[in-house]
C-alpha atoms as a PDB file:
ATOM      1  CA  MET A   1      23.376 -61.260  17.276  1.00  0.00           C
ATOM      2  CA  ALA A   2      22.482 -59.921  13.831  1.00  0.00           C
ATOM      3  CA  LYS A   3      18.996 -59.078  15.112  1.00  0.00           C
ATOM      4  CA  LYS A   4      20.478 -57.026  17.940  1.00  0.00           C
ATOM      5  CA  ILE A   5      22.741 -55.126  15.532  1.00  0.00           C
ATOM      6  CA  GLY A   6      19.789 -54.467  13.239  1.00  0.00           C
ATOM      7  CA  LEU A   7      17.681 -53.277  16.162  1.00  0.00           C
ATOM      8  CA  VAL A   8      20.431 -50.950  17.372  1.00  0.00           C
ATOM      9  CA  ALA A   9      20.873 -49.586  13.839  1.00  0.00           C
ATOM     10  CA  LEU A  10      17.122 -49.021  13.560  1.00  0.00           C
ATOM     11  CA  LEU A  11      17.048 -47.215  16.896  1.00  0.00           C
ATOM     12  CA  LEU A  12      19.922 -44.988  15.784  1.00  0.00           C
ATOM     13  CA  VAL A  13      18.096 -44.122  12.565  1.00  0.00           C
ATOM     14  CA  VAL A  14      14.906 -43.313  14.480  1.00  0.00           C
ATOM     15  CA  ALA A  15      16.819 -41.174  16.987  1.00  0.00           C
ATOM     16  CA  ALA A  16      18.552 -39.280  14.188  1.00  0.00           C
ATOM     17  CA  GLY A  17      15.207 -38.727  12.468  1.00  0.00           C
ATOM     18  CA  LEU A  18      13.698 -37.347  15.666  1.00  0.00           C
ATOM     19  CA  GLY A  19      16.660 -35.031  16.090  1.00  0.00           C
ATOM     20  CA  LEU A  20      16.211 -33.660  12.584  1.00  0.00           C
ATOM     21  CA  GLY A  21      12.493 -33.229  13.188  1.00  0.00           C
ATOM     22  CA  ILE A  22      13.134 -31.188  16.327  1.00  0.00           C
ATOM     23  CA  ARG A  23      15.671 -29.034  14.507  1.00  0.00           C
ATOM     24  CA  TYR A  24      13.234 -28.431  11.639  1.00  0.00           C
ATOM     25  CA  HIS A  25      10.477 -27.490  14.108  1.00  0.00           C
ATOM     26  CA  ASP A  26      12.795 -24.978  15.822  1.00  0.00           C
ATOM     27  CA  HIS A  27      13.739 -23.503  12.432  1.00  0.00           C
ATOM     28  CA  VAL A  28      10.078 -23.113  11.419  1.00  0.00           C
ATOM     29  CA  GLN A  29       9.234 -21.540  14.765  1.00  0.00           C
ATOM     30  CA  ALA A  30      12.099 -19.056  14.425  1.00  0.00           C
ATOM     31  CA  ASP A  31      10.906 -18.149  10.920  1.00  0.00           C
ATOM     32  CA  ARG A  32       7.387 -17.500  12.203  1.00  0.00           C
ATOM     33  CA  GLN A  33       8.681 -15.285  15.006  1.00  0.00           C
ATOM     34  CA  HIS A  34      10.775 -13.319  12.521  1.00  0.00           C
ATOM     35  CA  GLN A  35       7.779 -12.946  10.203  1.00  0.00           C
ATOM     36  CA  ASP A  36       5.655 -11.690  13.110  1.00  0.00           C
ATOM     37  CA  ARG A  37       8.288  -9.058  13.960  1.00  0.00           C
ATOM     38  CA  VAL A  38       8.443  -7.918  10.331  1.00  0.00           C
ATOM     39  CA  TYR A  39       4.657  -7.554  10.152  1.00  0.00           C
ATOM     40  CA  GLN A  40       4.632  -5.591  13.437  1.00  0.00           C
ATOM     41  CA  GLN A  41       7.288  -3.231  12.073  1.00  0.00           C
ATOM     42  CA  LEU A  42       5.338  -2.819   8.837  1.00  0.00           C
ATOM     43  CA  ASP A  43       2.174  -2.036  10.781  1.00  0.00           C
ATOM     44  CA  THR A  44       4.053   0.555  12.857  1.00  0.00           C
ATOM     45  CA  LEU A  45       5.419   2.193   9.702  1.00  0.00           C
ATOM     46  CA  GLU A  46       1.971   2.301   8.092  1.00  0.00           C
ATOM     47  CA  LYS A  47       0.497   3.949  11.199  1.00  0.00           C
ATOM     48  CA  ALA A  48       3.330   6.503  11.259  1.00  0.00           C
ATOM     49  CA  LYS A  49       2.794   7.273   7.570  1.00  0.00           C
ATOM     50  CA  ALA A  50      -0.916   7.766   8.173  1.00  0.00           C
ATOM     51  CA  ARG A  51      -0.137  10.252  10.980  1.00  0.00           C
ATOM     52  CA  VAL A  52       2.295  12.153   8.752  1.00  0.00           C
ATOM     53  CA  ASP A  53      -0.256  12.289   5.929  1.00  0.00           C
ATOM     54  CA  THR A  54      -2.906  13.582   8.342  1.00  0.00           C
ATOM     55  CA  GLU A  55      -0.527  16.284   9.587  1.00  0.00           C
ATOM     56  CA  LYS A  56       0.292  17.333   6.018  1.00  0.00           C
ATOM     57  CA  LYS A  57      -3.399  17.640   5.154  1.00  0.00           C
ATOM     58  CA  ARG A  58      -4.042  19.628   8.351  1.00  0.00           C
ATOM     59  CA  ASN A  59      -1.138  21.981   7.594  1.00  0.00           C
ATOM     60  CA  GLN A  60      -2.280  22.491   3.994  1.00  0.00           C
ATOM     61  CA  ALA A  61      -5.815  23.280   5.137  1.00  0.00           C
ATOM     62  CA  SER A  62      -4.509  25.979   7.478  1.00  0.00           C
END
């Protein structure tokens, strides 16, 4: 009987650990997706700034 209780307790601990692992994985994945979006926005802003700088130089040369 004590062995069965110990086995059930062990299974509960393992199941809880797996649940936490899945949650952590989802959290890390969400962070990576957010980071990717931030880098895409930064890249877009840098390209826009480069276009504005090119236009300024073109207008000054005229």
